[in-house]
Amino acid sequence: MKKQLLSFRDFLKTGTFGPVFPSLKMIDIASMLGPPDGWITEHAETIPVYWTFGKLEISFDEEAPHWMNWFQIEEAGYLEGDFEVLTDRLVLSLDGFSGETTPSEFLTAGLWAPEEAAVFYAALSDEILLNICAGPVQIHFRVDTDFIEDGDAQKYLTNSNVSRVVSDIDSRATLDSIYSYPQPAFEEIPGAFNWNLLSGRDYLMLTR
């Protein structure tokens, strides 16, 4: 079967993944990609509404006609090399990005105007999580917090000024997953209630 080559850069800019975009229905994905590698059925009452195709995962509405809620590239921290084979039909050209690309590198890559991107960060348990939201795309990072002596991420954020926080976490942030939504992705980090918000431009100024 002929594979379609997709651009990671185009996906990050537009939220569209080749033929896959978040305003499709389940039947559209089925006809386009065929049966998934697996389903998550934990909350499915009638048919599975969470499909997985390798690192590509898709959530559908439970009600017919099962519009897509969002799709994501999961385990994005393992992206490396020139290409990532997602399915027997889709191959992703990484376009110079990888799981080690930092938030500031995404913000300076010419994907979006920095002032049009929003950066959220927060402590969740002993972790620091960071998101970039730009258009329909939300990029999730996890931050290695081994540099915090007592491991108390919340206390560290409370007691540190923003400039120090951004300087500390940018190089320690590892890509986790990337979501695309049918609407602009502008929200705090799920599960964290003490989120902080910076514009992409302000974030970049603090990394210099």
N, C-alpha and C. Protein backbone atom coordinates (compact mmCIF):
# COMPACT_ATOMS: atom_id res chain seq x y z
N MET A 1 0.84 -1.20 0.00
CA MET A 1 0.00 0.00 0.00
C MET A 1 0.88 1.25 0.00
N LYS A 2 0.56 2.21 -0.86
CA LYS A 2 1.36 3.43 -0.97
C LYS A 2 1.18 4.28 0.28
N LYS A 3 2.31 4.75 0.81
CA LYS A 3 2.28 5.60 2.00
C LYS A 3 2.23 7.07 1.60
N GLN A 4 1.55 7.87 2.44
CA GLN A 4 1.49 9.31 2.22
C GLN A 4 2.46 9.98 3.17
N LEU A 5 3.33 10.85 2.62
CA LEU A 5 4.32 11.55 3.42
C LEU A 5 3.72 12.85 3.93
N LEU A 6 3.74 13.03 5.25
CA LEU A 6 3.17 14.20 5.90
C LEU A 6 4.27 15.07 6.49
N SER A 7 4.01 16.36 6.58
CA SER A 7 4.98 17.30 7.13
C SER A 7 4.64 17.64 8.57
N PHE A 8 5.58 17.41 9.47
CA PHE A 8 5.40 17.76 10.87
C PHE A 8 5.25 19.28 11.02
N ARG A 9 6.04 20.02 10.26
CA ARG A 9 5.95 21.48 10.30
C ARG A 9 4.55 21.96 9.91
N ASP A 10 4.01 21.40 8.84
CA ASP A 10 2.67 21.80 8.41
C ASP A 10 1.63 21.46 9.47
N PHE A 11 1.78 20.30 10.11
CA PHE A 11 0.86 19.92 11.18
C PHE A 11 0.90 20.93 12.32
N LEU A 12 2.10 21.31 12.75
CA LEU A 12 2.22 22.26 13.86
C LEU A 12 1.65 23.62 13.50
N LYS A 13 1.77 24.02 12.25
CA LYS A 13 1.27 25.33 11.82
C LYS A 13 -0.25 25.35 11.69
N THR A 14 -0.83 24.25 11.23
CA THR A 14 -2.23 24.28 10.83
C THR A 14 -3.14 23.39 11.66
N GLY A 15 -2.58 22.40 12.37
CA GLY A 15 -3.41 21.43 13.07
C GLY A 15 -3.99 20.37 12.16
N THR A 16 -3.60 20.40 10.89
CA THR A 16 -4.07 19.41 9.92
C THR A 16 -2.97 18.40 9.67
N PHE A 17 -3.33 17.15 9.69
CA PHE A 17 -2.36 16.07 9.59
C PHE A 17 -2.57 15.34 8.27
N GLY A 18 -2.12 15.98 7.19
CA GLY A 18 -2.40 15.41 5.88
C GLY A 18 -3.90 15.33 5.68
N PRO A 19 -4.44 14.14 5.44
CA PRO A 19 -5.88 14.00 5.24
C PRO A 19 -6.67 14.03 6.54
N VAL A 20 -5.97 14.00 7.68
CA VAL A 20 -6.64 13.95 8.98
C VAL A 20 -6.75 15.35 9.56
N PHE A 21 -7.97 15.77 9.84
CA PHE A 21 -8.17 17.05 10.52
C PHE A 21 -9.34 16.89 11.48
N PRO A 22 -9.40 17.74 12.52
CA PRO A 22 -10.30 17.46 13.64
C PRO A 22 -11.77 17.80 13.43
N SER A 23 -12.20 17.96 12.20
CA SER A 23 -13.64 18.15 11.96
C SER A 23 -14.20 16.98 11.16
N LEU A 24 -13.51 15.84 11.22
CA LEU A 24 -13.98 14.64 10.53
C LEU A 24 -14.82 13.78 11.46
N LYS A 25 -15.57 12.86 10.87
CA LYS A 25 -16.35 11.89 11.62
C LYS A 25 -15.62 10.54 11.65
N MET A 26 -16.07 9.68 12.52
CA MET A 26 -15.47 8.35 12.65
C MET A 26 -15.47 7.61 11.32
N ILE A 27 -16.56 7.69 10.58
CA ILE A 27 -16.64 6.95 9.32
C ILE A 27 -15.63 7.48 8.31
N ASP A 28 -15.32 8.78 8.40
CA ASP A 28 -14.31 9.36 7.50
C ASP A 28 -12.94 8.77 7.80
N ILE A 29 -12.60 8.67 9.09
CA ILE A 29 -11.31 8.10 9.47
C ILE A 29 -11.23 6.63 9.10
N ALA A 30 -12.32 5.91 9.30
CA ALA A 30 -12.33 4.48 8.97
C ALA A 30 -12.09 4.26 7.49
N SER A 31 -12.71 5.07 6.65
CA SER A 31 -12.54 4.89 5.21
C SER A 31 -11.16 5.36 4.75
N MET A 32 -10.58 6.30 5.49
CA MET A 32 -9.30 6.88 5.10
C MET A 32 -8.12 6.05 5.59
N LEU A 33 -8.18 5.60 6.85
CA LEU A 33 -7.04 4.92 7.47
C LEU A 33 -7.26 3.43 7.70
N GLY A 34 -8.50 2.98 7.51
CA GLY A 34 -8.77 1.57 7.77
C GLY A 34 -8.94 1.32 9.26
N PRO A 35 -8.96 0.05 9.66
CA PRO A 35 -9.15 -0.26 11.08
C PRO A 35 -7.96 0.19 11.91
N PRO A 36 -8.20 0.66 13.13
CA PRO A 36 -7.09 1.10 13.98
C PRO A 36 -6.28 -0.08 14.50
N ASP A 37 -5.10 0.25 15.03
CA ASP A 37 -4.28 -0.78 15.68
C ASP A 37 -4.93 -1.26 16.96
N GLY A 38 -5.67 -0.35 17.60
CA GLY A 38 -6.30 -0.71 18.86
C GLY A 38 -7.37 0.30 19.23
N TRP A 39 -8.15 -0.07 20.23
CA TRP A 39 -9.20 0.80 20.75
C TRP A 39 -9.04 0.88 22.27
N ILE A 40 -9.50 1.97 22.84
CA ILE A 40 -9.67 2.05 24.29
C ILE A 40 -11.17 2.04 24.54
N THR A 41 -11.62 1.05 25.28
CA THR A 41 -13.06 0.82 25.41
C THR A 41 -13.58 1.06 26.82
N GLU A 42 -12.76 1.64 27.67
CA GLU A 42 -13.11 1.77 29.09
C GLU A 42 -14.45 2.47 29.30
N HIS A 43 -14.69 3.55 28.54
CA HIS A 43 -15.92 4.32 28.74
C HIS A 43 -16.90 4.16 27.58
N ALA A 44 -16.63 3.22 26.71
CA ALA A 44 -17.50 3.05 25.54
C ALA A 44 -18.74 2.25 25.91
N GLU A 45 -19.91 2.82 25.64
CA GLU A 45 -21.16 2.13 25.94
C GLU A 45 -21.67 1.33 24.75
N THR A 46 -21.37 1.78 23.56
CA THR A 46 -21.86 1.08 22.36
C THR A 46 -20.69 0.66 21.48
N ILE A 47 -19.96 1.63 20.95
CA ILE A 47 -18.81 1.32 20.10
C ILE A 47 -17.59 2.05 20.64
N PRO A 48 -16.39 1.53 20.39
CA PRO A 48 -15.18 2.22 20.87
C PRO A 48 -15.04 3.60 20.22
N VAL A 49 -14.79 4.61 21.03
CA VAL A 49 -14.69 5.97 20.50
C VAL A 49 -13.29 6.55 20.70
N TYR A 50 -12.33 5.71 21.06
CA TYR A 50 -10.94 6.16 21.15
C TYR A 50 -10.10 5.17 20.36
N TRP A 51 -9.55 5.65 19.24
CA TRP A 51 -8.83 4.78 18.31
C TRP A 51 -7.35 5.13 18.32
N THR A 52 -6.51 4.11 18.15
CA THR A 52 -5.07 4.33 18.11
C THR A 52 -4.49 3.76 16.82
N PHE A 53 -3.63 4.57 16.21
CA PHE A 53 -2.87 4.15 15.02
C PHE A 53 -1.41 4.45 15.32
N GLY A 54 -0.73 3.55 16.01
CA GLY A 54 0.63 3.85 16.44
C GLY A 54 0.62 5.04 17.37
N LYS A 55 1.44 6.05 17.07
CA LYS A 55 1.48 7.26 17.90
C LYS A 55 0.30 8.19 17.63
N LEU A 56 -0.46 7.94 16.59
CA LEU A 56 -1.63 8.77 16.28
C LEU A 56 -2.84 8.22 17.03
N GLU A 57 -3.44 9.05 17.88
CA GLU A 57 -4.60 8.64 18.67
C GLU A 57 -5.73 9.63 18.43
N ILE A 58 -6.95 9.10 18.32
CA ILE A 58 -8.10 9.92 17.94
C ILE A 58 -9.25 9.66 18.90
N SER A 59 -9.84 10.74 19.40
CA SER A 59 -11.00 10.66 20.28
C SER A 59 -12.24 11.14 19.52
N PHE A 60 -13.31 10.34 19.58
CA PHE A 60 -14.56 10.68 18.91
C PHE A 60 -15.67 10.91 19.95
N ASP A 61 -16.65 11.68 19.55
CA ASP A 61 -17.83 11.88 20.40
C ASP A 61 -18.61 10.57 20.52
N GLU A 62 -19.20 10.35 21.68
CA GLU A 62 -19.94 9.10 21.90
C GLU A 62 -21.24 9.05 21.11
N GLU A 63 -21.78 10.21 20.77
CA GLU A 63 -23.06 10.25 20.06
C GLU A 63 -22.83 10.21 18.55
N ALA A 64 -23.67 9.43 17.85
CA ALA A 64 -23.63 9.41 16.38
C ALA A 64 -23.90 10.81 15.85
N PRO A 65 -23.21 11.22 14.78
CA PRO A 65 -22.34 10.43 13.89
C PRO A 65 -20.88 10.38 14.33
N HIS A 66 -20.60 10.60 15.62
CA HIS A 66 -19.25 10.42 16.17
C HIS A 66 -18.23 11.37 15.54
N TRP A 67 -18.49 12.67 15.72
CA TRP A 67 -17.52 13.66 15.28
C TRP A 67 -16.24 13.54 16.12
N MET A 68 -15.15 13.91 15.52
CA MET A 68 -13.88 13.86 16.24
C MET A 68 -13.84 14.94 17.32
N ASN A 69 -13.41 14.57 18.52
CA ASN A 69 -13.16 15.55 19.58
C ASN A 69 -11.79 16.20 19.41
N TRP A 70 -10.81 15.38 19.12
CA TRP A 70 -9.44 15.82 18.90
C TRP A 70 -8.62 14.62 18.43
N PHE A 71 -7.44 14.90 17.93
CA PHE A 71 -6.47 13.83 17.72
C PHE A 71 -5.14 14.29 18.27
N GLN A 72 -4.27 13.33 18.54
CA GLN A 72 -2.98 13.67 19.12
C GLN A 72 -1.89 12.75 18.60
N ILE A 73 -0.66 13.24 18.68
CA ILE A 73 0.52 12.40 18.54
C ILE A 73 1.00 12.12 19.95
N GLU A 74 0.84 10.89 20.38
CA GLU A 74 1.23 10.48 21.73
C GLU A 74 2.68 10.00 21.71
N GLU A 75 3.30 10.03 22.90
CA GLU A 75 4.71 9.62 23.04
C GLU A 75 5.60 10.40 22.06
N ALA A 76 5.29 11.69 21.92
CA ALA A 76 6.06 12.51 20.98
C ALA A 76 7.50 12.71 21.43
N GLY A 77 7.78 12.46 22.69
CA GLY A 77 9.15 12.57 23.18
C GLY A 77 10.09 11.56 22.55
N TYR A 78 9.54 10.53 21.91
CA TYR A 78 10.37 9.51 21.26
C TYR A 78 10.57 9.78 19.77
N LEU A 79 10.07 10.89 19.28
CA LEU A 79 10.28 11.22 17.87
C LEU A 79 11.75 11.54 17.64
N GLU A 80 12.35 10.90 16.64
CA GLU A 80 13.75 11.14 16.33
C GLU A 80 14.03 10.75 14.89
N GLY A 81 15.15 11.23 14.39
CA GLY A 81 15.53 10.91 13.02
C GLY A 81 14.82 11.80 12.02
N ASP A 82 14.72 11.31 10.79
CA ASP A 82 14.11 12.10 9.72
C ASP A 82 12.62 11.81 9.55
N PHE A 83 12.21 10.57 9.86
CA PHE A 83 10.84 10.16 9.59
C PHE A 83 10.30 9.32 10.75
N GLU A 84 8.98 9.34 10.88
CA GLU A 84 8.28 8.47 11.83
C GLU A 84 7.16 7.77 11.07
N VAL A 85 7.21 6.44 11.01
CA VAL A 85 6.15 5.67 10.36
C VAL A 85 5.01 5.53 11.36
N LEU A 86 3.86 6.13 11.05
CA LEU A 86 2.73 6.12 11.96
C LEU A 86 1.80 4.94 11.70
N THR A 87 1.44 4.75 10.44
CA THR A 87 0.57 3.65 10.05
C THR A 87 1.09 3.10 8.73
N ASP A 88 0.42 2.07 8.21
CA ASP A 88 0.83 1.55 6.91
C ASP A 88 0.47 2.51 5.78
N ARG A 89 -0.20 3.63 6.13
CA ARG A 89 -0.57 4.61 5.11
C ARG A 89 0.04 5.98 5.33
N LEU A 90 0.53 6.25 6.55
CA LEU A 90 1.01 7.59 6.88
C LEU A 90 2.43 7.56 7.42
N VAL A 91 3.29 8.39 6.83
CA VAL A 91 4.67 8.57 7.29
C VAL A 91 4.87 10.05 7.57
N LEU A 92 5.47 10.35 8.72
CA LEU A 92 5.66 11.73 9.13
C LEU A 92 7.10 12.16 8.90
N SER A 93 7.30 13.21 8.10
CA SER A 93 8.61 13.83 7.96
C SER A 93 8.79 14.80 9.12
N LEU A 94 9.83 14.60 9.93
CA LEU A 94 9.97 15.39 11.15
C LEU A 94 10.50 16.80 10.90
N ASP A 95 11.02 17.07 9.73
CA ASP A 95 11.38 18.44 9.33
C ASP A 95 12.35 19.11 10.31
N GLY A 96 13.24 18.32 10.91
CA GLY A 96 14.23 18.89 11.81
C GLY A 96 13.81 18.96 13.26
N PHE A 97 12.56 18.62 13.56
CA PHE A 97 12.09 18.60 14.95
C PHE A 97 12.30 17.21 15.54
N SER A 98 12.25 17.13 16.86
CA SER A 98 12.37 15.83 17.54
C SER A 98 11.74 15.94 18.91
N GLY A 99 11.78 14.84 19.64
CA GLY A 99 11.25 14.84 20.99
C GLY A 99 12.06 15.71 21.94
N GLU A 100 13.24 16.14 21.51
CA GLU A 100 14.09 16.98 22.35
C GLU A 100 14.01 18.45 21.98
N THR A 101 13.17 18.81 21.02
CA THR A 101 12.99 20.22 20.66
C THR A 101 12.37 20.96 21.84
N THR A 102 12.98 22.05 22.25
CA THR A 102 12.53 22.77 23.44
C THR A 102 11.38 23.72 23.10
N PRO A 103 10.65 24.19 24.12
CA PRO A 103 9.59 25.16 23.85
C PRO A 103 10.09 26.40 23.10
N SER A 104 11.23 26.94 23.50
CA SER A 104 11.73 28.13 22.82
C SER A 104 12.10 27.84 21.37
N GLU A 105 12.56 26.63 21.09
CA GLU A 105 12.88 26.27 19.70
C GLU A 105 11.62 26.16 18.85
N PHE A 106 10.54 25.65 19.42
CA PHE A 106 9.28 25.65 18.68
C PHE A 106 8.82 27.09 18.42
N LEU A 107 8.95 27.95 19.43
CA LEU A 107 8.46 29.32 19.31
C LEU A 107 9.27 30.15 18.33
N THR A 108 10.51 29.77 18.07
CA THR A 108 11.36 30.53 17.14
C THR A 108 11.49 29.84 15.78
N ALA A 109 10.69 28.82 15.54
CA ALA A 109 10.82 28.03 14.31
C ALA A 109 10.01 28.60 13.15
N GLY A 110 9.35 29.74 13.35
CA GLY A 110 8.56 30.34 12.28
C GLY A 110 7.24 29.65 12.04
N LEU A 111 6.76 28.91 13.03
CA LEU A 111 5.48 28.20 12.90
C LEU A 111 4.31 29.15 13.09
N TRP A 112 4.45 30.05 14.05
CA TRP A 112 3.41 31.02 14.37
C TRP A 112 4.11 32.30 14.81
N ALA A 113 3.42 33.42 14.74
CA ALA A 113 3.95 34.65 15.33
C ALA A 113 3.99 34.44 16.84
N PRO A 114 5.11 34.73 17.50
CA PRO A 114 5.22 34.46 18.94
C PRO A 114 4.09 35.06 19.77
N GLU A 115 3.62 36.24 19.38
CA GLU A 115 2.55 36.87 20.16
C GLU A 115 1.22 36.16 19.99
N GLU A 116 1.11 35.28 18.99
CA GLU A 116 -0.13 34.53 18.79
C GLU A 116 -0.13 33.20 19.53
N ALA A 117 0.99 32.87 20.16
CA ALA A 117 1.09 31.63 20.94
C ALA A 117 0.99 31.97 22.42
N ALA A 118 0.43 31.04 23.19
CA ALA A 118 0.33 31.18 24.64
C ALA A 118 1.08 30.03 25.29
N VAL A 119 1.81 30.34 26.35
CA VAL A 119 2.57 29.33 27.08
C VAL A 119 1.99 29.23 28.49
N PHE A 120 1.53 28.04 28.85
CA PHE A 120 1.02 27.77 30.19
C PHE A 120 2.02 26.87 30.91
N TYR A 121 2.24 27.12 32.19
CA TYR A 121 3.03 26.18 32.98
C TYR A 121 2.47 26.12 34.39
N ALA A 122 2.66 24.97 35.02
CA ALA A 122 2.10 24.76 36.36
C ALA A 122 2.78 23.57 37.01
N ALA A 123 2.67 23.52 38.32
CA ALA A 123 3.13 22.35 39.07
C ALA A 123 1.95 21.41 39.24
N LEU A 124 2.23 20.14 39.08
CA LEU A 124 1.23 19.10 39.32
C LEU A 124 1.93 17.98 40.07
N SER A 125 1.59 17.84 41.35
CA SER A 125 2.31 16.92 42.22
C SER A 125 3.78 17.35 42.26
N ASP A 126 4.70 16.46 41.94
CA ASP A 126 6.12 16.82 41.97
C ASP A 126 6.64 17.15 40.57
N GLU A 127 5.74 17.37 39.62
CA GLU A 127 6.13 17.65 38.25
C GLU A 127 5.85 19.10 37.89
N ILE A 128 6.54 19.57 36.86
CA ILE A 128 6.18 20.83 36.21
C ILE A 128 5.76 20.49 34.79
N LEU A 129 4.58 20.93 34.41
CA LEU A 129 4.06 20.71 33.06
C LEU A 129 4.02 22.05 32.33
N LEU A 130 4.20 21.99 31.03
CA LEU A 130 4.19 23.20 30.21
C LEU A 130 3.45 22.91 28.92
N ASN A 131 2.62 23.84 28.49
CA ASN A 131 1.90 23.73 27.22
C ASN A 131 2.17 24.95 26.37
N ILE A 132 2.27 24.74 25.07
CA ILE A 132 2.19 25.83 24.10
C ILE A 132 0.88 25.67 23.35
N CYS A 133 0.08 26.73 23.31
CA CYS A 133 -1.16 26.73 22.55
C CYS A 133 -1.03 27.74 21.41
N ALA A 134 -1.29 27.28 20.20
CA ALA A 134 -1.22 28.16 19.03
C ALA A 134 -2.25 27.68 18.02
N GLY A 135 -3.26 28.50 17.76
CA GLY A 135 -4.33 28.05 16.88
C GLY A 135 -4.99 26.82 17.46
N PRO A 136 -5.23 25.79 16.65
CA PRO A 136 -5.88 24.58 17.16
C PRO A 136 -4.91 23.59 17.80
N VAL A 137 -3.63 23.94 17.85
CA VAL A 137 -2.60 23.00 18.30
C VAL A 137 -2.19 23.28 19.74
N GLN A 138 -2.05 22.21 20.50
CA GLN A 138 -1.57 22.31 21.88
C GLN A 138 -0.42 21.31 22.05
N ILE A 139 0.75 21.83 22.41
CA ILE A 139 1.96 21.01 22.57
C ILE A 139 2.24 20.85 24.06
N HIS A 140 2.29 19.62 24.51
CA HIS A 140 2.50 19.32 25.93
C HIS A 140 3.95 18.92 26.18
N PHE A 141 4.52 19.47 27.24
CA PHE A 141 5.87 19.13 27.68
C PHE A 141 5.85 18.71 29.14
N ARG A 142 6.80 17.86 29.50
CA ARG A 142 7.09 17.56 30.89
C ARG A 142 8.50 18.06 31.19
N VAL A 143 8.68 18.60 32.39
CA VAL A 143 9.95 19.19 32.76
C VAL A 143 10.66 18.29 33.76
N ASP A 144 11.93 18.01 33.50
CA ASP A 144 12.75 17.26 34.44
C ASP A 144 13.00 18.13 35.67
N THR A 145 12.45 17.73 36.82
CA THR A 145 12.53 18.56 38.02
C THR A 145 13.62 18.09 38.99
N ASP A 146 14.55 17.29 38.52
CA ASP A 146 15.64 16.83 39.40
C ASP A 146 16.47 18.00 39.92
N PHE A 147 16.43 19.14 39.24
CA PHE A 147 17.23 20.29 39.67
C PHE A 147 16.64 20.95 40.92
N ILE A 148 15.39 20.65 41.26
CA ILE A 148 14.77 21.22 42.46
C ILE A 148 15.21 20.39 43.66
N GLU A 149 15.93 21.01 44.58
CA GLU A 149 16.61 20.27 45.64
C GLU A 149 15.67 19.42 46.47
N ASP A 150 14.56 19.98 46.91
CA ASP A 150 13.66 19.22 47.77
C ASP A 150 12.54 18.53 46.99
N GLY A 151 12.54 18.70 45.66
CA GLY A 151 11.55 18.05 44.82
C GLY A 151 10.17 18.66 44.89
N ASP A 152 10.02 19.79 45.59
CA ASP A 152 8.71 20.43 45.74
C ASP A 152 8.52 21.43 44.60
N ALA A 153 7.87 20.98 43.52
CA ALA A 153 7.72 21.81 42.33
C ALA A 153 6.86 23.04 42.60
N GLN A 154 5.81 22.87 43.40
CA GLN A 154 4.93 24.00 43.68
C GLN A 154 5.66 25.08 44.47
N LYS A 155 6.43 24.69 45.47
CA LYS A 155 7.18 25.68 46.27
C LYS A 155 8.20 26.39 45.40
N TYR A 156 8.84 25.64 44.51
CA TYR A 156 9.82 26.24 43.61
C TYR A 156 9.16 27.33 42.75
N LEU A 157 8.00 27.03 42.16
CA LEU A 157 7.34 28.02 41.32
C LEU A 157 6.88 29.23 42.14
N THR A 158 6.42 28.98 43.35
CA THR A 158 5.94 30.07 44.21
C THR A 158 7.07 31.00 44.62
N ASN A 159 8.23 30.43 44.88
CA ASN A 159 9.34 31.21 45.43
C ASN A 159 10.30 31.75 44.38
N SER A 160 10.09 31.43 43.12
CA SER A 160 11.01 31.86 42.06
C SER A 160 10.34 32.90 41.17
N ASN A 161 11.13 33.88 40.71
CA ASN A 161 10.55 34.84 39.78
C ASN A 161 10.41 34.20 38.40
N VAL A 162 9.60 34.82 37.57
CA VAL A 162 9.26 34.23 36.28
C VAL A 162 10.49 34.05 35.40
N SER A 163 11.39 35.02 35.44
CA SER A 163 12.59 34.93 34.62
C SER A 163 13.42 33.70 34.97
N ARG A 164 13.57 33.44 36.26
CA ARG A 164 14.33 32.27 36.69
C ARG A 164 13.63 30.99 36.28
N VAL A 165 12.30 30.95 36.46
CA VAL A 165 11.55 29.74 36.12
C VAL A 165 11.72 29.40 34.64
N VAL A 166 11.51 30.38 33.78
CA VAL A 166 11.61 30.12 32.34
C VAL A 166 13.02 29.68 31.97
N SER A 167 14.01 30.35 32.54
CA SER A 167 15.40 29.98 32.27
C SER A 167 15.70 28.56 32.72
N ASP A 168 15.14 28.17 33.86
CA ASP A 168 15.40 26.83 34.40
C ASP A 168 14.69 25.73 33.61
N ILE A 169 13.45 25.98 33.20
CA ILE A 169 12.65 24.88 32.68
C ILE A 169 12.76 24.69 31.17
N ASP A 170 13.12 25.74 30.43
CA ASP A 170 13.07 25.61 28.97
C ASP A 170 13.97 24.48 28.47
N SER A 171 15.20 24.44 28.92
CA SER A 171 16.13 23.42 28.42
C SER A 171 15.85 22.04 29.01
N ARG A 172 15.02 22.00 30.06
CA ARG A 172 14.71 20.72 30.72
C ARG A 172 13.36 20.16 30.29
N ALA A 173 12.69 20.85 29.39
CA ALA A 173 11.35 20.41 28.94
C ALA A 173 11.48 19.38 27.83
N THR A 174 10.75 18.29 27.97
CA THR A 174 10.75 17.22 26.97
C THR A 174 9.35 17.10 26.38
N LEU A 175 9.29 16.99 25.09
CA LEU A 175 8.01 16.85 24.40
C LEU A 175 7.27 15.61 24.89
N ASP A 176 5.98 15.77 25.14
CA ASP A 176 5.17 14.66 25.64
C ASP A 176 4.11 14.24 24.62
N SER A 177 3.27 15.18 24.20
CA SER A 177 2.23 14.87 23.22
C SER A 177 1.79 16.16 22.54
N ILE A 178 1.14 16.02 21.39
CA ILE A 178 0.69 17.18 20.62
C ILE A 178 -0.75 16.92 20.19
N TYR A 179 -1.63 17.85 20.54
CA TYR A 179 -3.06 17.72 20.24
C TYR A 179 -3.47 18.70 19.16
N SER A 180 -4.49 18.31 18.40
CA SER A 180 -5.16 19.22 17.48
C SER A 180 -6.65 19.16 17.74
N TYR A 181 -7.27 20.35 17.89
CA TYR A 181 -8.68 20.46 18.24
C TYR A 181 -9.47 21.12 17.10
N PRO A 182 -10.79 20.96 17.11
CA PRO A 182 -11.61 21.64 16.10
C PRO A 182 -11.75 23.13 16.38
N GLN A 183 -11.31 23.59 17.55
CA GLN A 183 -11.41 24.99 17.94
C GLN A 183 -10.05 25.44 18.46
N PRO A 184 -9.86 26.74 18.64
CA PRO A 184 -8.57 27.20 19.18
C PRO A 184 -8.24 26.53 20.51
N ALA A 185 -7.00 26.11 20.63
CA ALA A 185 -6.55 25.41 21.84
C ALA A 185 -5.99 26.44 22.80
N PHE A 186 -6.84 26.97 23.65
CA PHE A 186 -6.40 27.98 24.61
C PHE A 186 -6.98 27.61 25.96
N GLU A 187 -6.21 26.88 26.74
CA GLU A 187 -6.71 26.41 28.02
C GLU A 187 -5.54 26.13 28.94
N GLU A 188 -5.82 26.11 30.22
CA GLU A 188 -4.79 25.77 31.19
C GLU A 188 -4.49 24.28 31.13
N ILE A 189 -3.47 23.88 31.86
CA ILE A 189 -3.07 22.48 31.88
C ILE A 189 -4.11 21.67 32.65
N PRO A 190 -4.70 20.64 32.05
CA PRO A 190 -5.72 19.85 32.76
C PRO A 190 -5.19 19.29 34.07
N GLY A 191 -5.99 19.43 35.13
CA GLY A 191 -5.62 18.88 36.42
C GLY A 191 -4.79 19.80 37.28
N ALA A 192 -4.29 20.89 36.71
CA ALA A 192 -3.49 21.84 37.48
C ALA A 192 -4.29 23.12 37.66
N PHE A 193 -4.35 23.61 38.88
CA PHE A 193 -5.20 24.76 39.18
C PHE A 193 -4.39 26.03 39.42
N ASN A 194 -3.09 25.91 39.44
CA ASN A 194 -2.24 27.05 39.73
C ASN A 194 -1.45 27.47 38.50
N TRP A 195 -2.11 27.40 37.34
CA TRP A 195 -1.40 27.63 36.09
C TRP A 195 -0.97 29.08 35.94
N ASN A 196 0.10 29.25 35.19
CA ASN A 196 0.66 30.56 34.88
C ASN A 196 0.66 30.73 33.37
N LEU A 197 0.45 31.93 32.91
CA LEU A 197 0.32 32.19 31.48
C LEU A 197 1.29 33.27 31.04
N LEU A 198 1.99 32.99 29.92
CA LEU A 198 2.84 33.97 29.26
C LEU A 198 2.52 33.95 27.77
N SER A 199 2.66 35.08 27.12
CA SER A 199 2.60 35.05 25.66
C SER A 199 3.89 34.41 25.15
N GLY A 200 3.83 33.89 23.94
CA GLY A 200 5.03 33.30 23.36
C GLY A 200 6.17 34.30 23.28
N ARG A 201 5.84 35.55 22.96
CA ARG A 201 6.88 36.58 22.86
C ARG A 201 7.53 36.84 24.21
N ASP A 202 6.71 36.96 25.27
CA ASP A 202 7.27 37.20 26.60
C ASP A 202 8.12 36.02 27.06
N TYR A 203 7.66 34.81 26.75
CA TYR A 203 8.44 33.62 27.12
C TYR A 203 9.82 33.67 26.46
N LEU A 204 9.85 34.01 25.18
CA LEU A 204 11.13 34.06 24.47
C LEU A 204 12.04 35.14 25.04
N MET A 205 11.48 36.27 25.40
CA MET A 205 12.30 37.34 25.97
C MET A 205 12.96 36.88 27.26
N LEU A 206 12.27 36.03 28.02
CA LEU A 206 12.81 35.57 29.30
C LEU A 206 13.85 34.47 29.13
N THR A 207 13.92 33.86 27.96
CA THR A 207 14.94 32.83 27.73
C THR A 207 16.26 33.42 27.28
N ARG A 208 16.29 34.70 26.97
CA ARG A 208 17.51 35.31 26.42
C ARG A 208 18.38 35.88 27.52
